[in-house]
Amino acid sequence: MLLQEKKTGNLVKVMDFESLINPMKNEITIRVQAGEEEQDPEPKQKNNLLFPSGEDLPQCWLDVNYKND
């Protein structure tokens, strides 16, 4: 799955989808898709990512207490 970094606009490849949708995990492993060669995996905070369409990630992926006000 590809997402986009908010700050740079670079596309990133999500290496572990389970961590992405798990609200208990704040960080996921990604590979930046910039340049000609695939970059090394690196950790990235989920709240710094969004969908390539510009939409934010679902709150249920980011906040374990998303149903509580």
C-alpha atoms as a PDB file:
ATOM      1  CA  MET A   1       0.000   0.000   0.000  1.00  0.00           C
ATOM      2  CA  LEU A   2       1.268   3.469  -0.851  1.00  0.00           C
ATOM      3  CA  LEU A   3       0.750   6.522   1.338  1.00  0.00           C
ATOM      4  CA  GLN A   4       2.141  10.043   1.168  1.00  0.00           C
ATOM      5  CA  GLU A   5       4.253  12.006   3.650  1.00  0.00           C
ATOM      6  CA  LYS A   6       2.495  15.205   4.718  1.00  0.00           C
ATOM      7  CA  LYS A   7       5.673  17.275   4.965  1.00  0.00           C
ATOM      8  CA  THR A   8       7.499  16.264   1.768  1.00  0.00           C
ATOM      9  CA  GLY A   9       4.741  14.885  -0.452  1.00  0.00           C
ATOM     10  CA  ASN A  10       6.872  11.789  -1.149  1.00  0.00           C
ATOM     11  CA  LEU A  11       5.117   8.486  -1.669  1.00  0.00           C
ATOM     12  CA  VAL A  12       5.979   5.781   0.850  1.00  0.00           C
ATOM     13  CA  LYS A  13       5.393   2.046   0.711  1.00  0.00           C
ATOM     14  CA  VAL A  14       3.867   0.549   3.875  1.00  0.00           C
ATOM     15  CA  MET A  15       5.834  -2.556   4.860  1.00  0.00           C
ATOM     16  CA  ASP A  16       3.428  -3.835   7.559  1.00  0.00           C
ATOM     17  CA  PHE A  17      -0.280  -3.267   6.909  1.00  0.00           C
ATOM     18  CA  GLU A  18      -1.261  -4.750  10.294  1.00  0.00           C
ATOM     19  CA  SER A  19       0.705  -2.018  12.113  1.00  0.00           C
ATOM     20  CA  LEU A  20      -0.945   0.619   9.939  1.00  0.00           C
ATOM     21  CA  ILE A  21      -4.490  -0.307  10.948  1.00  0.00           C
ATOM     22  CA  ASN A  22      -3.624  -1.085  14.587  1.00  0.00           C
ATOM     23  CA  PRO A  23      -4.478   2.014  16.690  1.00  0.00           C
ATOM     24  CA  MET A  24      -2.132   0.789  19.452  1.00  0.00           C
ATOM     25  CA  LYS A  25       0.869   1.386  17.143  1.00  0.00           C
ATOM     26  CA  ASN A  26       1.963   4.996  16.610  1.00  0.00           C
ATOM     27  CA  GLU A  27       4.804   4.102  14.260  1.00  0.00           C
ATOM     28  CA  ILE A  28       5.022   1.935  11.151  1.00  0.00           C
ATOM     29  CA  THR A  29       7.843   0.756   8.893  1.00  0.00           C
ATOM     30  CA  ILE A  30       7.905   2.381   5.460  1.00  0.00           C
ATOM     31  CA  ARG A  31      10.145   2.667   2.402  1.00  0.00           C
ATOM     32  CA  VAL A  32      10.328   6.071   0.748  1.00  0.00           C
ATOM     33  CA  GLN A  33       9.626   5.803  -2.975  1.00  0.00           C
ATOM     34  CA  ALA A  34      11.844   8.714  -4.063  1.00  0.00           C
ATOM     35  CA  GLY A  35      14.808   8.299  -6.379  1.00  0.00           C
ATOM     36  CA  GLU A  36      15.672   5.474  -8.722  1.00  0.00           C
ATOM     37  CA  GLU A  37      16.492   2.831  -6.109  1.00  0.00           C
ATOM     38  CA  GLU A  38      14.209   1.601  -3.360  1.00  0.00           C
ATOM     39  CA  GLN A  39      15.200   3.188  -0.070  1.00  0.00           C
ATOM     40  CA  ASP A  40      15.966   1.328   3.159  1.00  0.00           C
ATOM     41  CA  PRO A  41      13.068   0.665   5.555  1.00  0.00           C
ATOM     42  CA  GLU A  42      12.621   3.296   8.235  1.00  0.00           C
ATOM     43  CA  PRO A  43      10.127   3.975  11.039  1.00  0.00           C
ATOM     44  CA  LYS A  44       7.608   6.784  10.562  1.00  0.00           C
ATOM     45  CA  GLN A  45       4.870   8.221  12.773  1.00  0.00           C
ATOM     46  CA  LYS A  46       1.444   7.395  11.341  1.00  0.00           C
ATOM     47  CA  ASN A  47       0.102  10.888  12.030  1.00  0.00           C
ATOM     48  CA  ASN A  48       2.666  12.229   9.492  1.00  0.00           C
ATOM     49  CA  LEU A  49       1.081  10.213   6.651  1.00  0.00           C
ATOM     50  CA  LEU A  50      -2.009  10.526   4.486  1.00  0.00           C
ATOM     51  CA  PHE A  51      -3.543   8.869   1.447  1.00  0.00           C
ATOM     52  CA  PRO A  52      -2.150   9.956  -1.962  1.00  0.00           C
ATOM     53  CA  SER A  53      -5.555  11.566  -2.647  1.00  0.00           C
ATOM     54  CA  GLY A  54      -4.878  13.998   0.220  1.00  0.00           C
ATOM     55  CA  GLU A  55      -7.289  12.402   2.675  1.00  0.00           C
ATOM     56  CA  ASP A  56      -6.158  11.842   6.257  1.00  0.00           C
ATOM     57  CA  LEU A  57      -5.895   8.313   7.626  1.00  0.00           C
ATOM     58  CA  PRO A  58      -9.037   7.074   9.410  1.00  0.00           C
ATOM     59  CA  GLN A  59      -9.170   8.077  13.071  1.00  0.00           C
ATOM     60  CA  CYS A  60      -9.747   4.435  14.053  1.00  0.00           C
ATOM     61  CA  TRP A  61      -6.222   3.646  12.731  1.00  0.00           C
ATOM     62  CA  LEU A  62      -4.641   6.408  14.817  1.00  0.00           C
ATOM     63  CA  ASP A  63      -6.518   6.669  18.115  1.00  0.00           C
ATOM     64  CA  VAL A  64      -7.426   3.704  20.298  1.00  0.00           C
ATOM     65  CA  ASN A  65     -10.066   5.864  22.010  1.00  0.00           C
ATOM     66  CA  TYR A  66     -11.620   7.230  18.830  1.00  0.00           C
ATOM     67  CA  LYS A  67     -15.145   6.332  19.980  1.00  0.00           C
ATOM     68  CA  ASN A  68     -14.804   8.097  23.343  1.00  0.00           C
ATOM     69  CA  ASP A  69     -15.340  11.856  23.516  1.00  0.00           C
END
